[in-house]
Amino acid sequence: MKSIEELDALDVDGFVAVLSPLFEGAPRFLRRLAAARPFETEDELFAAARVTAREMPEEERIELLDAHPRIGADPATVSDFSHREQGFDGPPDEDQAWVGEELKALNEAYESLFGFRFAVFVAGRPRAEIIPILEQALHAERDEELRRGLDDVVLIAAERMDRLRGPRPLREELREAIALEVSRFMVGEIDRHGLVRATHRLMEEGVESPALLALSLVNENEVDDIQGANARLMDEIGLAGWDASQAGQLLALHAAASILGEVSQPIDGARRISAVSGNTQFNDLATRWAAEAENRDALNAEIRRAAAELFGPPDQEPAG
């Protein structure tokens, strides 16, 4: 899929050809959308698509809806996108014949009532789950249903573009969060189950990553080679070949930052740095702190200075 900049640079015919599969054709709509360029982001493109779809003449709005295949159409007649979206790539639904007949009857009733095709953002739902949605749609106002269908057509196109582009690059803070959790596992701070729990938490926080999802399922799928799953995840975030030494360095830097930010007590940070990286300076400081109770204020200050030296100046990138 071309970038937004490349889409903006295309002539009208080229723009229509590239986006046609996302909208199942509808050339008049796509020519109007081409005229709305330039777009700075994909969000702007699809926001413009929504406005264009709603504001163009009704004949063209119906043309855009009717470009999409019916839910439950013969699999041989639908596009590759629709084939996947309607679940034809997976195992057949139970009672598939009944579901198909019911959808056919409801589609005919809908088109007879409204004069345009029923379009809905399936979002991976089995076709049987569309039946109650279609039944409810038959009780809607025509203008309301026309607007909803057009909005769903745009949602379908946006989801298709996402699929073509593949996973979006993760933000730096999310890459760091993944690297920290895998590093904790690599140095023995957490076990396999702790790592899997961490993957679930990251996904709940909105991290989208195929390799993270695969790692989260290693227990359910009875995967023995968790190291391979870890390696694929680190490769996905740009840290291929990450080893235990680098993991310890990253965790030591994170602990040093916690000391400097007063997130953790100096002695706690020193002990962690010593444990994850084997740093002899912090090991010595932790040993002295335990033995010299009367000198702990001075040792805390020394630990902070050592953390600042380890972490480096604010504008310096950590090594590795």
Protein backbone atom coordinates (compact mmCIF):
# COMPACT_ATOMS: atom_id res chain seq x y z
CA MET A 1 0.00 0.00 0.00
CA LYS A 2 1.33 3.42 -0.97
CA SER A 3 2.03 6.05 1.64
CA ILE A 4 -0.21 9.10 2.08
CA GLU A 5 2.44 11.21 0.35
CA GLU A 6 2.48 8.83 -2.61
CA LEU A 7 -1.33 8.81 -2.78
CA ASP A 8 -1.34 12.61 -2.82
CA ALA A 9 1.15 12.62 -5.70
CA LEU A 10 -0.80 10.25 -7.97
CA ASP A 11 -2.95 11.47 -10.81
CA VAL A 12 -6.69 10.91 -10.40
CA ASP A 13 -6.77 7.64 -12.32
CA GLY A 14 -3.84 6.29 -10.32
CA PHE A 15 -5.46 7.30 -7.03
CA VAL A 16 -8.72 5.60 -8.02
CA ALA A 17 -6.90 2.42 -9.06
CA VAL A 18 -4.95 2.12 -5.80
CA LEU A 19 -7.92 2.72 -3.47
CA SER A 20 -10.49 0.86 -5.55
CA PRO A 21 -10.00 -2.50 -3.74
CA LEU A 22 -10.58 -0.81 -0.39
CA PHE A 23 -14.01 0.43 -1.49
CA GLU A 24 -14.90 -2.39 -3.92
CA GLY A 25 -14.77 0.05 -6.81
CA ALA A 26 -17.21 3.02 -6.73
CA PRO A 27 -15.17 5.17 -9.15
CA ARG A 28 -17.34 8.30 -8.90
CA PHE A 29 -16.90 8.37 -5.13
CA LEU A 30 -13.15 7.80 -5.46
CA ARG A 31 -12.80 10.64 -7.97
CA ARG A 32 -14.51 12.97 -5.52
CA LEU A 33 -12.16 11.76 -2.80
CA ALA A 34 -9.17 12.37 -5.06
CA ALA A 35 -10.32 15.96 -5.47
CA ALA A 36 -10.24 16.42 -1.67
CA ARG A 37 -6.46 15.90 -1.53
CA PRO A 38 -3.91 16.51 -0.09
CA PHE A 39 -4.15 14.47 3.12
CA GLU A 40 -1.48 14.63 5.79
CA THR A 41 -2.48 11.39 7.52
CA GLU A 42 -4.57 8.29 7.00
CA ASP A 43 -7.03 9.63 9.57
CA GLU A 44 -7.51 12.71 7.38
CA LEU A 45 -8.05 10.54 4.31
CA PHE A 46 -10.81 8.49 5.94
CA ALA A 47 -12.37 11.53 7.60
CA ALA A 48 -12.61 13.09 4.13
CA ALA A 49 -13.99 9.81 2.78
CA ARG A 50 -16.75 9.87 5.40
CA VAL A 51 -17.70 13.47 4.59
CA THR A 52 -17.55 12.84 0.84
CA ALA A 53 -19.72 9.75 1.10
CA ARG A 54 -22.36 11.56 3.14
CA GLU A 55 -22.48 14.71 0.99
CA MET A 56 -22.42 13.39 -2.58
CA PRO A 57 -25.69 12.87 -4.52
CA GLU A 58 -27.83 9.96 -3.38
CA GLU A 59 -27.32 8.11 -6.65
CA GLU A 60 -23.59 8.00 -5.98
CA ARG A 61 -24.06 7.11 -2.31
CA ILE A 62 -26.12 4.10 -3.37
CA GLU A 63 -23.50 3.22 -5.97
CA LEU A 64 -20.87 3.13 -3.21
CA LEU A 65 -23.04 0.86 -1.02
CA ASP A 66 -24.01 -1.41 -3.90
CA ALA A 67 -20.35 -1.88 -4.85
CA HIS A 68 -19.98 -4.10 -1.79
CA PRO A 69 -21.05 -7.75 -2.02
CA ARG A 70 -24.02 -8.94 -0.03
CA ILE A 71 -23.31 -10.52 3.34
CA GLY A 72 -23.66 -14.23 2.65
CA ALA A 73 -23.08 -13.96 -1.11
CA ASP A 74 -21.64 -16.88 -3.05
CA PRO A 75 -17.94 -17.05 -1.98
CA ALA A 76 -16.88 -17.40 -5.60
CA THR A 77 -18.35 -13.98 -6.44
CA VAL A 78 -16.75 -11.80 -3.75
CA SER A 79 -13.40 -10.01 -3.63
CA ASP A 80 -10.42 -11.44 -1.74
CA PHE A 81 -10.95 -8.88 1.00
CA SER A 82 -14.62 -9.73 1.40
CA HIS A 83 -13.88 -13.45 1.23
CA ARG A 84 -11.72 -13.15 4.33
CA GLU A 85 -13.97 -10.65 6.12
CA GLN A 86 -17.03 -12.88 5.76
CA GLY A 87 -15.17 -15.83 7.20
CA PHE A 88 -14.98 -17.94 4.07
CA ASP A 89 -11.27 -18.57 4.70
CA GLY A 90 -12.02 -20.31 7.98
CA PRO A 91 -13.99 -23.40 8.92
CA PRO A 92 -17.64 -23.38 7.77
CA ASP A 93 -20.32 -22.18 10.16
CA GLU A 94 -22.50 -24.79 11.76
CA ASP A 95 -25.83 -24.90 9.96
CA GLN A 96 -24.18 -22.90 7.14
CA ALA A 97 -27.04 -23.63 4.73
CA TRP A 98 -29.61 -22.22 7.16
CA VAL A 99 -27.50 -19.12 7.81
CA GLY A 100 -27.07 -18.54 4.08
CA GLU A 101 -30.78 -18.85 3.36
CA GLU A 102 -31.68 -16.52 6.22
CA LEU A 103 -29.18 -13.89 5.09
CA LYS A 104 -30.44 -14.14 1.52
CA ALA A 105 -34.04 -13.53 2.61
CA LEU A 106 -33.08 -10.64 4.90
CA ASN A 107 -30.91 -9.01 2.23
CA GLU A 108 -33.79 -9.17 -0.25
CA ALA A 109 -36.17 -7.63 2.28
CA TYR A 110 -33.66 -4.89 3.11
CA GLU A 111 -33.01 -3.97 -0.51
CA SER A 112 -36.72 -3.99 -1.30
CA LEU A 113 -37.41 -1.69 1.64
CA PHE A 114 -34.54 0.78 1.30
CA GLY A 115 -33.46 0.57 -2.32
CA PHE A 116 -29.78 -0.05 -1.59
CA ARG A 117 -27.57 -2.87 -0.37
CA PHE A 118 -26.95 -3.69 3.30
CA ALA A 119 -23.33 -2.97 4.20
CA VAL A 120 -21.85 -3.55 7.64
CA PHE A 121 -18.40 -3.60 9.19
CA VAL A 122 -18.22 -7.31 9.96
CA ALA A 123 -15.02 -7.01 12.02
CA GLY A 124 -14.45 -10.76 12.03
CA ARG A 125 -17.87 -11.74 13.39
CA PRO A 126 -19.37 -15.02 12.16
CA ARG A 127 -22.06 -14.53 9.53
CA ALA A 128 -24.68 -15.93 11.91
CA GLU A 129 -24.08 -12.92 14.19
CA ILE A 130 -25.01 -10.57 11.33
CA ILE A 131 -28.57 -11.92 11.21
CA PRO A 132 -29.85 -9.98 14.28
CA ILE A 133 -28.04 -6.85 13.08
CA LEU A 134 -29.77 -7.08 9.71
CA GLU A 135 -33.13 -7.78 11.38
CA GLN A 136 -32.73 -4.67 13.53
CA ALA A 137 -31.69 -2.58 10.51
CA LEU A 138 -35.05 -3.36 8.88
CA HIS A 139 -36.71 -1.22 11.56
CA ALA A 140 -34.45 1.81 11.07
CA GLU A 141 -35.28 5.04 9.24
CA ARG A 142 -34.04 5.08 5.65
CA ASP A 143 -31.82 8.17 6.03
CA GLU A 144 -30.34 6.79 9.23
CA GLU A 145 -29.59 3.45 7.60
CA LEU A 146 -28.08 5.08 4.52
CA ARG A 147 -25.72 7.12 6.70
CA ARG A 148 -24.79 4.11 8.87
CA GLY A 149 -24.05 1.96 5.85
CA LEU A 150 -21.81 4.62 4.32
CA ASP A 151 -19.93 5.08 7.59
CA ASP A 152 -19.39 1.32 7.79
CA VAL A 153 -18.06 1.25 4.22
CA VAL A 154 -15.40 3.75 5.31
CA LEU A 155 -14.59 1.67 8.40
CA ILE A 156 -14.18 -1.39 6.18
CA ALA A 157 -11.79 0.52 3.89
CA ALA A 158 -9.72 1.79 6.83
CA GLU A 159 -9.40 -1.71 8.25
CA ARG A 160 -8.35 -3.01 4.84
CA MET A 161 -5.64 -0.37 4.55
CA ASP A 162 -4.37 -1.30 8.03
CA ARG A 163 -4.18 -4.93 6.96
CA LEU A 164 -2.23 -4.06 3.82
CA ARG A 165 0.21 -1.87 5.72
CA GLY A 166 0.80 -4.47 8.42
CA PRO A 167 1.50 -3.62 12.06
CA ARG A 168 2.20 0.04 12.72
CA PRO A 169 5.64 0.80 14.16
CA LEU A 170 5.45 0.87 17.94
CA ARG A 171 6.12 4.11 19.77
CA GLU A 172 9.49 4.28 21.49
CA GLU A 173 8.01 4.00 24.99
CA LEU A 174 6.13 0.83 24.00
CA ARG A 175 9.27 -0.70 22.49
CA GLU A 176 11.08 0.09 25.74
CA ALA A 177 8.30 -1.49 27.81
CA ILE A 178 8.60 -4.71 25.78
CA ALA A 179 12.40 -4.70 26.00
CA LEU A 180 12.27 -4.26 29.78
CA GLU A 181 9.91 -7.19 30.33
CA VAL A 182 11.87 -9.55 28.08
CA SER A 183 15.11 -8.40 29.72
CA ARG A 184 13.69 -9.16 33.17
CA PHE A 185 13.00 -12.71 31.99
CA MET A 186 16.46 -13.05 30.46
CA VAL A 187 18.24 -12.14 33.71
CA GLY A 188 15.92 -14.27 35.86
CA GLU A 189 13.90 -11.52 37.58
CA ILE A 190 10.68 -13.14 36.35
CA ASP A 191 9.89 -16.66 35.21
CA ARG A 192 8.02 -17.89 32.14
CA HIS A 193 4.62 -17.32 33.74
CA GLY A 194 5.62 -13.83 34.85
CA LEU A 195 6.67 -12.98 31.31
CA VAL A 196 3.37 -14.25 29.88
CA ARG A 197 1.46 -12.17 32.45
CA ALA A 198 3.52 -9.15 31.37
CA THR A 199 2.56 -9.71 27.73
CA HIS A 200 -1.12 -9.75 28.68
CA ARG A 201 -0.73 -6.49 30.59
CA LEU A 202 1.04 -4.83 27.66
CA MET A 203 -1.73 -5.87 25.27
CA GLU A 204 -4.36 -4.55 27.69
CA GLU A 205 -2.47 -1.25 27.60
CA GLY A 206 -2.89 -1.14 23.82
CA VAL A 207 0.38 -2.61 22.50
CA GLU A 208 -0.37 -4.21 19.11
CA SER A 209 2.28 -6.68 18.01
CA PRO A 210 1.94 -10.07 16.29
CA ALA A 211 5.07 -11.37 18.02
CA LEU A 212 3.82 -10.13 21.42
CA LEU A 213 0.52 -11.92 20.81
CA ALA A 214 2.38 -15.12 19.90
CA LEU A 215 4.46 -14.89 23.07
CA SER A 216 1.32 -14.37 25.16
CA LEU A 217 -0.04 -17.69 23.87
CA VAL A 218 2.99 -19.92 24.49
CA ASN A 219 1.38 -21.59 27.49
CA GLU A 220 -1.97 -22.15 25.81
CA ASN A 221 -0.26 -23.49 22.70
CA GLU A 222 2.17 -25.60 24.77
CA VAL A 223 5.19 -23.99 23.14
CA ASP A 224 8.43 -25.23 24.68
CA ASP A 225 10.76 -22.87 22.80
CA ILE A 226 9.95 -19.62 24.58
CA GLN A 227 13.44 -18.36 23.71
CA GLY A 228 12.48 -18.47 20.04
CA ALA A 229 9.29 -16.50 20.75
CA ASN A 230 11.36 -13.96 22.70
CA ALA A 231 13.82 -13.61 19.85
CA ARG A 232 11.05 -12.99 17.32
CA LEU A 233 9.57 -10.30 19.55
CA MET A 234 12.89 -8.54 20.03
CA ASP A 235 13.56 -8.74 16.30
CA GLU A 236 10.15 -7.15 15.65
CA ILE A 237 11.02 -4.15 17.84
CA GLY A 238 14.43 -3.73 16.21
CA LEU A 239 16.58 -5.47 18.83
CA ALA A 240 17.60 -8.64 17.00
CA GLY A 241 20.32 -10.61 18.76
CA TRP A 242 19.49 -9.15 22.18
CA ASP A 243 21.40 -11.14 24.81
CA ALA A 244 21.51 -11.44 28.60
CA SER A 245 24.42 -8.98 28.89
CA GLN A 246 22.48 -6.30 27.03
CA ALA A 247 19.39 -7.15 29.06
CA GLY A 248 21.34 -6.56 32.27
CA GLN A 249 22.71 -3.25 31.02
CA LEU A 250 19.22 -2.03 30.08
CA LEU A 251 17.79 -2.99 33.48
CA ALA A 252 20.75 -1.38 35.24
CA LEU A 253 20.14 1.87 33.37
CA HIS A 254 16.46 1.68 34.24
CA ALA A 255 17.34 1.16 37.92
CA ALA A 256 19.80 4.06 37.82
CA ALA A 257 17.07 6.30 36.40
CA SER A 258 14.76 5.19 39.21
CA ILE A 259 17.39 6.20 41.78
CA LEU A 260 17.92 9.61 40.16
CA GLY A 261 14.18 10.19 39.84
CA GLU A 262 13.68 9.15 43.46
CA VAL A 263 11.30 6.43 42.34
CA SER A 264 13.27 3.88 44.36
CA GLN A 265 15.48 4.09 47.43
CA PRO A 266 19.20 4.29 46.58
CA ILE A 267 19.99 0.94 48.24
CA ASP A 268 17.15 -0.83 46.40
CA GLY A 269 18.40 0.51 43.09
CA ALA A 270 21.99 -0.40 43.92
CA ARG A 271 21.04 -3.98 44.80
CA ARG A 272 19.06 -4.33 41.59
CA ILE A 273 21.89 -2.95 39.44
CA SER A 274 24.29 -5.38 41.10
CA ALA A 275 21.90 -8.31 40.61
CA VAL A 276 21.03 -7.73 36.95
CA SER A 277 24.41 -6.63 35.64
CA GLY A 278 27.02 -7.83 38.10
CA ASN A 279 28.31 -4.26 38.44
CA THR A 280 31.12 -4.48 41.01
CA GLN A 281 30.86 -0.83 42.06
CA PHE A 282 27.21 -1.15 43.03
CA ASN A 283 27.83 -4.56 44.61
CA ASP A 284 30.50 -2.96 46.81
CA LEU A 285 28.21 -0.06 47.71
CA ALA A 286 25.37 -2.43 48.64
CA THR A 287 27.74 -4.50 50.79
CA ARG A 288 29.05 -1.40 52.58
CA TRP A 289 25.50 -0.09 53.09
CA ALA A 290 24.57 -3.30 54.92
CA ALA A 291 27.71 -3.23 57.06
CA GLU A 292 27.98 0.51 57.86
CA ALA A 293 24.66 1.48 59.42
CA GLU A 294 26.13 4.70 60.82
CA ASN A 295 27.31 5.84 57.38
CA ARG A 296 24.19 5.25 55.28
CA ASP A 297 23.42 8.88 54.45
CA ALA A 298 26.86 9.29 52.91
CA LEU A 299 26.53 5.94 51.11
CA ASN A 300 23.13 6.95 49.70
CA ALA A 301 24.74 10.06 48.26
CA GLU A 302 27.55 7.92 46.82
CA ILE A 303 25.01 5.57 45.25
CA ARG A 304 23.26 8.54 43.64
CA ARG A 305 26.56 9.81 42.20
CA ALA A 306 27.35 6.35 40.84
CA ALA A 307 23.87 6.13 39.30
CA ALA A 308 24.39 9.50 37.61
CA GLU A 309 27.72 8.30 36.20
CA LEU A 310 26.13 5.06 34.97
CA PHE A 311 23.13 6.77 33.45
CA GLY A 312 25.22 9.48 31.80
CA PRO A 313 24.32 13.09 30.96
CA PRO A 314 20.64 13.71 30.02
CA ASP A 315 21.51 14.27 26.35
CA GLN A 316 23.68 11.17 26.04
CA GLU A 317 22.29 8.01 24.46
CA PRO A 318 23.02 4.90 26.53
CA ALA A 319 25.47 2.52 24.89
CA GLY A 320 24.13 -0.67 23.31
